[in-house]
Amino acid sequence: MEKANRNDEILHWVTLSMILDYLIEEYGFEELGELIRINCFVSNPSKQSALKFLRKTEWARLQVQGLYVRTVKEKRW
């Protein structure tokens, strides 16, 4: 199976809200802000502000989804 297909499999049926819940639980906002330098994780972070920003900013959403996929893969192995 190709790499892209495996990533799609991991993201299948997973909402952006679910991804954020998982990453916030796993890393917390402070570490998320270090891993992905976007203001919604650094300055007065909240899930709602992150969702609002990520829904309209594709490059940031792709980074968050990429971190989610990498984290899930690491946990599986």
PDB file of N, CA and C in Angstrom:
ATOM      1  N   MET A   1       0.837  -1.185   0.000  1.00  0.00           N
ATOM      2  CA  MET A   1       0.000   0.000   0.000  1.00  0.00           C
ATOM      3  C   MET A   1       0.882   1.247   0.000  1.00  0.00           C
ATOM      4  N   GLU A   2       0.516   2.226  -0.785  1.00  0.00           N
ATOM      5  CA  GLU A   2       1.302   3.448  -0.867  1.00  0.00           C
ATOM      6  C   GLU A   2       1.188   4.260   0.417  1.00  0.00           C
ATOM      7  N   LYS A   3       2.209   5.070   0.646  1.00  0.00           N
ATOM      8  CA  LYS A   3       2.258   5.911   1.838  1.00  0.00           C
ATOM      9  C   LYS A   3       1.026   6.821   1.940  1.00  0.00           C
ATOM     10  N   ALA A   4       0.639   7.455   0.845  1.00  0.00           N
ATOM     11  CA  ALA A   4      -0.514   8.363   0.849  1.00  0.00           C
ATOM     12  C   ALA A   4      -1.780   7.616   1.243  1.00  0.00           C
ATOM     13  N   ASN A   5      -1.938   6.398   0.767  1.00  0.00           N
ATOM     14  CA  ASN A   5      -3.119   5.610   1.115  1.00  0.00           C
ATOM     15  C   ASN A   5      -3.169   5.295   2.602  1.00  0.00           C
ATOM     16  N   ARG A   6      -2.023   4.991   3.203  1.00  0.00           N
ATOM     17  CA  ARG A   6      -1.988   4.709   4.639  1.00  0.00           C
ATOM     18  C   ARG A   6      -2.353   5.959   5.428  1.00  0.00           C
ATOM     19  N   ASN A   7      -1.856   7.116   4.992  1.00  0.00           N
ATOM     20  CA  ASN A   7      -2.192   8.368   5.663  1.00  0.00           C
ATOM     21  C   ASN A   7      -3.680   8.655   5.550  1.00  0.00           C
ATOM     22  N   ASP A   8      -4.249   8.425   4.371  1.00  0.00           N
ATOM     23  CA  ASP A   8      -5.679   8.619   4.174  1.00  0.00           C
ATOM     24  C   ASP A   8      -6.481   7.687   5.068  1.00  0.00           C
ATOM     25  N   GLU A   9      -6.001   6.468   5.214  1.00  0.00           N
ATOM     26  CA  GLU A   9      -6.658   5.503   6.093  1.00  0.00           C
ATOM     27  C   GLU A   9      -6.703   6.012   7.525  1.00  0.00           C
ATOM     28  N   ILE A  10      -5.604   6.551   7.999  1.00  0.00           N
ATOM     29  CA  ILE A  10      -5.525   7.057   9.371  1.00  0.00           C
ATOM     30  C   ILE A  10      -6.475   8.233   9.562  1.00  0.00           C
ATOM     31  N   LEU A  11      -6.607   9.081   8.531  1.00  0.00           N
ATOM     32  CA  LEU A  11      -7.454  10.268   8.633  1.00  0.00           C
ATOM     33  C   LEU A  11      -8.931   9.985   8.335  1.00  0.00           C
ATOM     34  N   HIS A  12      -9.235   8.804   7.816  1.00  0.00           N
ATOM     35  CA  HIS A  12     -10.608   8.474   7.438  1.00  0.00           C
ATOM     36  C   HIS A  12     -11.524   8.515   8.652  1.00  0.00           C
ATOM     37  N   TRP A  13     -12.624   9.234   8.547  1.00  0.00           N
ATOM     38  CA  TRP A  13     -13.631   9.393   9.588  1.00  0.00           C
ATOM     39  C   TRP A  13     -13.148  10.168  10.806  1.00  0.00           C
ATOM     40  N   VAL A  14     -12.006  10.810  10.731  1.00  0.00           N
ATOM     41  CA  VAL A  14     -11.481  11.587  11.858  1.00  0.00           C
ATOM     42  C   VAL A  14     -11.688  13.074  11.548  1.00  0.00           C
ATOM     43  N   THR A  15     -12.412  13.754  12.416  1.00  0.00           N
ATOM     44  CA  THR A  15     -12.676  15.177  12.200  1.00  0.00           C
ATOM     45  C   THR A  15     -11.506  16.015  12.713  1.00  0.00           C
ATOM     46  N   LEU A  16     -11.461  17.256  12.281  1.00  0.00           N
ATOM     47  CA  LEU A  16     -10.434  18.171  12.758  1.00  0.00           C
ATOM     48  C   LEU A  16     -10.540  18.354  14.275  1.00  0.00           C
ATOM     49  N   SER A  17     -11.744  18.394  14.773  1.00  0.00           N
ATOM     50  CA  SER A  17     -11.954  18.511  16.222  1.00  0.00           C
ATOM     51  C   SER A  17     -11.369  17.304  16.960  1.00  0.00           C
ATOM     52  N   MET A  18     -11.569  16.111  16.419  1.00  0.00           N
ATOM     53  CA  MET A  18     -11.015  14.898  17.029  1.00  0.00           C
ATOM     54  C   MET A  18      -9.490  14.917  16.990  1.00  0.00           C
ATOM     55  N   ILE A  19      -8.938  15.398  15.874  1.00  0.00           N
ATOM     56  CA  ILE A  19      -7.486  15.496  15.733  1.00  0.00           C
ATOM     57  C   ILE A  19      -6.927  16.436  16.796  1.00  0.00           C
ATOM     58  N   LEU A  20      -7.561  17.599  16.957  1.00  0.00           N
ATOM     59  CA  LEU A  20      -7.095  18.557  17.964  1.00  0.00           C
ATOM     60  C   LEU A  20      -7.198  17.982  19.366  1.00  0.00           C
ATOM     61  N   ASP A  21      -8.309  17.331  19.683  1.00  0.00           N
ATOM     62  CA  ASP A  21      -8.451  16.700  21.007  1.00  0.00           C
ATOM     63  C   ASP A  21      -7.290  15.752  21.278  1.00  0.00           C
ATOM     64  N   TYR A  22      -6.976  14.924  20.296  1.00  0.00           N
ATOM     65  CA  TYR A  22      -5.904  13.942  20.428  1.00  0.00           C
ATOM     66  C   TYR A  22      -4.551  14.626  20.638  1.00  0.00           C
ATOM     67  N   LEU A  23      -4.261  15.624  19.799  1.00  0.00           N
ATOM     68  CA  LEU A  23      -2.961  16.293  19.886  1.00  0.00           C
ATOM     69  C   LEU A  23      -2.829  17.122  21.169  1.00  0.00           C
ATOM     70  N   ILE A  24      -3.894  17.753  21.597  1.00  0.00           N
ATOM     71  CA  ILE A  24      -3.853  18.523  22.846  1.00  0.00           C
ATOM     72  C   ILE A  24      -3.616  17.578  24.022  1.00  0.00           C
ATOM     73  N   GLU A  25      -4.284  16.441  24.002  1.00  0.00           N
ATOM     74  CA  GLU A  25      -4.095  15.433  25.061  1.00  0.00           C
ATOM     75  C   GLU A  25      -2.660  14.890  25.040  1.00  0.00           C
ATOM     76  N   GLU A  26      -2.153  14.636  23.859  1.00  0.00           N
ATOM     77  CA  GLU A  26      -0.822  14.034  23.697  1.00  0.00           C
ATOM     78  C   GLU A  26       0.300  15.019  24.017  1.00  0.00           C
ATOM     79  N   TYR A  27       0.187  16.253  23.534  1.00  0.00           N
ATOM     80  CA  TYR A  27       1.297  17.203  23.621  1.00  0.00           C
ATOM     81  C   TYR A  27       1.027  18.421  24.506  1.00  0.00           C
ATOM     82  N   GLY A  28      -0.228  18.842  24.607  1.00  0.00           N
ATOM     83  CA  GLY A  28      -0.536  20.106  25.265  1.00  0.00           C
ATOM     84  C   GLY A  28      -0.233  21.264  24.327  1.00  0.00           C
ATOM     85  N   PHE A  29      -0.807  22.425  24.617  1.00  0.00           N
ATOM     86  CA  PHE A  29      -0.626  23.570  23.720  1.00  0.00           C
ATOM     87  C   PHE A  29       0.812  24.057  23.657  1.00  0.00           C
ATOM     88  N   GLU A  30       1.523  24.016  24.778  1.00  0.00           N
ATOM     89  CA  GLU A  30       2.895  24.529  24.780  1.00  0.00           C
ATOM     90  C   GLU A  30       3.777  23.755  23.797  1.00  0.00           C
ATOM     91  N   GLU A  31       3.731  22.433  23.876  1.00  0.00           N
ATOM     92  CA  GLU A  31       4.549  21.628  22.971  1.00  0.00           C
ATOM     93  C   GLU A  31       4.034  21.705  21.528  1.00  0.00           C
ATOM     94  N   LEU A  32       2.705  21.777  21.356  1.00  0.00           N
ATOM     95  CA  LEU A  32       2.158  21.949  20.009  1.00  0.00           C
ATOM     96  C   LEU A  32       2.688  23.226  19.375  1.00  0.00           C
ATOM     97  N   GLY A  33       2.765  24.288  20.175  1.00  0.00           N
ATOM     98  CA  GLY A  33       3.283  25.558  19.683  1.00  0.00           C
ATOM     99  C   GLY A  33       4.743  25.477  19.274  1.00  0.00           C
ATOM    100  N   GLU A  34       5.487  24.579  19.906  1.00  0.00           N
ATOM    101  CA  GLU A  34       6.890  24.376  19.529  1.00  0.00           C
ATOM    102  C   GLU A  34       6.995  23.508  18.269  1.00  0.00           C
ATOM    103  N   LEU A  35       6.121  22.518  18.160  1.00  0.00           N
ATOM    104  CA  LEU A  35       6.159  21.607  17.013  1.00  0.00           C
ATOM    105  C   LEU A  35       5.617  22.262  15.747  1.00  0.00           C
ATOM    106  N   ILE A  36       4.569  23.050  15.901  1.00  0.00           N
ATOM    107  CA  ILE A  36       3.940  23.741  14.770  1.00  0.00           C
ATOM    108  C   ILE A  36       3.786  25.198  15.174  1.00  0.00           C
ATOM    109  N   ARG A  37       4.595  26.056  14.596  1.00  0.00           N
ATOM    110  CA  ARG A  37       4.626  27.472  14.984  1.00  0.00           C
ATOM    111  C   ARG A  37       3.459  28.241  14.369  1.00  0.00           C
ATOM    112  N   ILE A  38       2.296  28.092  14.988  1.00  0.00           N
ATOM    113  CA  ILE A  38       1.157  28.909  14.586  1.00  0.00           C
ATOM    114  C   ILE A  38       0.598  29.584  15.836  1.00  0.00           C
ATOM    115  N   ASN A  39       0.155  30.805  15.661  1.00  0.00           N
ATOM    116  CA  ASN A  39      -0.233  31.663  16.765  1.00  0.00           C
ATOM    117  C   ASN A  39      -1.346  31.066  17.635  1.00  0.00           C
ATOM    118  N   CYS A  40      -2.258  30.320  17.047  1.00  0.00           N
ATOM    119  CA  CYS A  40      -3.381  29.786  17.831  1.00  0.00           C
ATOM    120  C   CYS A  40      -2.926  28.739  18.851  1.00  0.00           C
ATOM    121  N   PHE A  41      -1.703  28.242  18.739  1.00  0.00           N
ATOM    122  CA  PHE A  41      -1.153  27.325  19.744  1.00  0.00           C
ATOM    123  C   PHE A  41      -0.256  28.051  20.742  1.00  0.00           C
ATOM    124  N   VAL A  42       0.142  29.285  20.421  1.00  0.00           N
ATOM    125  CA  VAL A  42       1.135  29.997  21.213  1.00  0.00           C
ATOM    126  C   VAL A  42       0.519  31.125  22.045  1.00  0.00           C
ATOM    127  N   SER A  43      -0.328  31.927  21.438  1.00  0.00           N
ATOM    128  CA  SER A  43      -0.882  33.107  22.092  1.00  0.00           C
ATOM    129  C   SER A  43      -2.332  32.859  22.510  1.00  0.00           C
ATOM    130  N   ASN A  44      -2.579  32.801  23.809  1.00  0.00           N
ATOM    131  CA  ASN A  44      -3.923  32.509  24.344  1.00  0.00           C
ATOM    132  C   ASN A  44      -4.565  31.303  23.654  1.00  0.00           C
ATOM    133  N   PRO A  45      -3.934  30.147  23.727  1.00  0.00           N
ATOM    134  CA  PRO A  45      -4.416  28.995  22.981  1.00  0.00           C
ATOM    135  C   PRO A  45      -5.750  28.459  23.503  1.00  0.00           C
ATOM    136  N   SER A  46      -6.588  28.058  22.590  1.00  0.00           N
ATOM    137  CA  SER A  46      -7.823  27.347  22.932  1.00  0.00           C
ATOM    138  C   SER A  46      -8.188  26.474  21.733  1.00  0.00           C
ATOM    139  N   LYS A  47      -8.933  25.451  22.011  1.00  0.00           N
ATOM    140  CA  LYS A  47      -9.352  24.550  20.943  1.00  0.00           C
ATOM    141  C   LYS A  47     -10.219  25.308  19.939  1.00  0.00           C
ATOM    142  N   GLN A  48     -11.121  26.158  20.414  1.00  0.00           N
ATOM    143  CA  GLN A  48     -12.019  26.886  19.526  1.00  0.00           C
ATOM    144  C   GLN A  48     -11.262  27.818  18.584  1.00  0.00           C
ATOM    145  N   SER A  49     -10.278  28.549  19.113  1.00  0.00           N
ATOM    146  CA  SER A  49      -9.518  29.457  18.238  1.00  0.00           C
ATOM    147  C   SER A  49      -8.693  28.663  17.231  1.00  0.00           C
ATOM    148  N   ALA A  50      -8.160  27.525  17.667  1.00  0.00           N
ATOM    149  CA  ALA A  50      -7.392  26.678  16.757  1.00  0.00           C
ATOM    150  C   ALA A  50      -8.289  26.134  15.648  1.00  0.00           C
ATOM    151  N   LEU A  51      -9.477  25.653  16.005  1.00  0.00           N
ATOM    152  CA  LEU A  51     -10.404  25.138  15.003  1.00  0.00           C
ATOM    153  C   LEU A  51     -10.773  26.210  13.987  1.00  0.00           C
ATOM    154  N   LYS A  52     -11.078  27.394  14.467  1.00  0.00           N
ATOM    155  CA  LYS A  52     -11.457  28.494  13.582  1.00  0.00           C
ATOM    156  C   LYS A  52     -10.334  28.797  12.588  1.00  0.00           C
ATOM    157  N   PHE A  53      -9.108  28.884  13.098  1.00  0.00           N
ATOM    158  CA  PHE A  53      -7.960  29.176  12.244  1.00  0.00           C
ATOM    159  C   PHE A  53      -7.683  28.042  11.265  1.00  0.00           C
ATOM    160  N   LEU A  54      -7.674  26.818  11.757  1.00  0.00           N
ATOM    161  CA  LEU A  54      -7.308  25.673  10.921  1.00  0.00           C
ATOM    162  C   LEU A  54      -8.334  25.400   9.828  1.00  0.00           C
ATOM    163  N   ARG A  55      -9.610  25.692  10.104  1.00  0.00           N
ATOM    164  CA  ARG A  55     -10.647  25.459   9.093  1.00  0.00           C
ATOM    165  C   ARG A  55     -10.496  26.376   7.889  1.00  0.00           C
ATOM    166  N   LYS A  56      -9.877  27.540   8.087  1.00  0.00           N
ATOM    167  CA  LYS A  56      -9.745  28.461   6.960  1.00  0.00           C
ATOM    168  C   LYS A  56      -8.309  28.588   6.440  1.00  0.00           C
ATOM    169  N   THR A  57      -7.363  27.860   7.034  1.00  0.00           N
ATOM    170  CA  THR A  57      -5.962  27.990   6.653  1.00  0.00           C
ATOM    171  C   THR A  57      -5.397  26.608   6.312  1.00  0.00           C
ATOM    172  N   GLU A  58      -5.394  26.307   5.021  1.00  0.00           N
ATOM    173  CA  GLU A  58      -5.043  24.955   4.578  1.00  0.00           C
ATOM    174  C   GLU A  58      -3.627  24.536   4.956  1.00  0.00           C
ATOM    175  N   TRP A  59      -2.625  25.426   4.786  1.00  0.00           N
ATOM    176  CA  TRP A  59      -1.239  25.036   5.074  1.00  0.00           C
ATOM    177  C   TRP A  59      -1.077  24.636   6.545  1.00  0.00           C
ATOM    178  N   ALA A  60      -1.754  25.341   7.436  1.00  0.00           N
ATOM    179  CA  ALA A  60      -1.658  25.012   8.866  1.00  0.00           C
ATOM    180  C   ALA A  60      -2.405  23.715   9.162  1.00  0.00           C
ATOM    181  N   ARG A  61      -3.576  23.547   8.547  1.00  0.00           N
ATOM    182  CA  ARG A  61      -4.352  22.328   8.752  1.00  0.00           C
ATOM    183  C   ARG A  61      -3.568  21.109   8.286  1.00  0.00           C
ATOM    184  N   LEU A  62      -2.872  21.229   7.161  1.00  0.00           N
ATOM    185  CA  LEU A  62      -2.075  20.116   6.657  1.00  0.00           C
ATOM    186  C   LEU A  62      -0.931  19.771   7.612  1.00  0.00           C
ATOM    187  N   GLN A  63      -0.330  20.779   8.232  1.00  0.00           N
ATOM    188  CA  GLN A  63       0.730  20.514   9.214  1.00  0.00           C
ATOM    189  C   GLN A  63       0.175  19.780  10.431  1.00  0.00           C
ATOM    190  N   VAL A  64      -0.997  20.203  10.896  1.00  0.00           N
ATOM    191  CA  VAL A  64      -1.629  19.560  12.053  1.00  0.00           C
ATOM    192  C   VAL A  64      -2.010  18.120  11.711  1.00  0.00           C
ATOM    193  N   GLN A  65      -2.584  17.914  10.533  1.00  0.00           N
ATOM    194  CA  GLN A  65      -2.934  16.556  10.111  1.00  0.00           C
ATOM    195  C   GLN A  65      -1.686  15.684   9.974  1.00  0.00           C
ATOM    196  N   GLY A  66      -0.612  16.254   9.463  1.00  0.00           N
ATOM    197  CA  GLY A  66       0.639  15.514   9.335  1.00  0.00           C
ATOM    198  C   GLY A  66       1.193  15.093  10.688  1.00  0.00           C
ATOM    199  N   LEU A  67       1.145  16.007  11.663  1.00  0.00           N
ATOM    200  CA  LEU A  67       1.602  15.663  13.013  1.00  0.00           C
ATOM    201  C   LEU A  67       0.730  14.565  13.604  1.00  0.00           C
ATOM    202  N   TYR A  68      -0.566  14.641  13.377  1.00  0.00           N
ATOM    203  CA  TYR A  68      -1.489  13.615  13.872  1.00  0.00           C
ATOM    204  C   TYR A  68      -1.140  12.244  13.277  1.00  0.00           C
ATOM    205  N   VAL A  69      -0.936  12.202  11.965  1.00  0.00           N
ATOM    206  CA  VAL A  69      -0.615  10.935  11.288  1.00  0.00           C
ATOM    207  C   VAL A  69       0.695  10.371  11.833  1.00  0.00           C
ATOM    208  N   ARG A  70       1.720  11.215  11.962  1.00  0.00           N
ATOM    209  CA  ARG A  70       3.020  10.745  12.486  1.00  0.00           C
ATOM    210  C   ARG A  70       2.870  10.217  13.915  1.00  0.00           C
ATOM    211  N   THR A  71       2.109  10.915  14.726  1.00  0.00           N
ATOM    212  CA  THR A  71       1.939  10.515  16.123  1.00  0.00           C
ATOM    213  C   THR A  71       1.194   9.193  16.222  1.00  0.00           C
ATOM    214  N   VAL A  72       0.143   9.037  15.443  1.00  0.00           N
ATOM    215  CA  VAL A  72      -0.622   7.790  15.458  1.00  0.00           C
ATOM    216  C   VAL A  72       0.255   6.639  14.993  1.00  0.00           C
ATOM    217  N   LYS A  73       1.023   6.851  13.934  1.00  0.00           N
ATOM    218  CA  LYS A  73       1.916   5.801  13.430  1.00  0.00           C
ATOM    219  C   LYS A  73       2.948   5.398  14.489  1.00  0.00           C
ATOM    220  N   GLU A  74       3.535   6.380  15.179  1.00  0.00           N
ATOM    221  CA  GLU A  74       4.507   6.070  16.226  1.00  0.00           C
ATOM    222  C   GLU A  74       3.879   5.269  17.347  1.00  0.00           C
ATOM    223  N   LYS A  75       2.664   5.592  17.722  1.00  0.00           N
ATOM    224  CA  LYS A  75       1.967   4.872  18.793  1.00  0.00           C
ATOM    225  C   LYS A  75       1.683   3.433  18.407  1.00  0.00           C
ATOM    226  N   ARG A  76       1.373   3.220  17.121  1.00  0.00           N
ATOM    227  CA  ARG A  76       1.046   1.850  16.650  1.00  0.00           C
ATOM    228  C   ARG A  76       2.265   0.942  16.694  1.00  0.00           C
ATOM    229  N   TRP A  77       3.453   1.501  16.499  1.00  0.00           N
ATOM    230  CA  TRP A  77       4.660   0.695  16.453  1.00  0.00           C
ATOM    231  C   TRP A  77       5.334   0.791  17.748  1.00  0.00           C
TER     232      TRP A  77
END
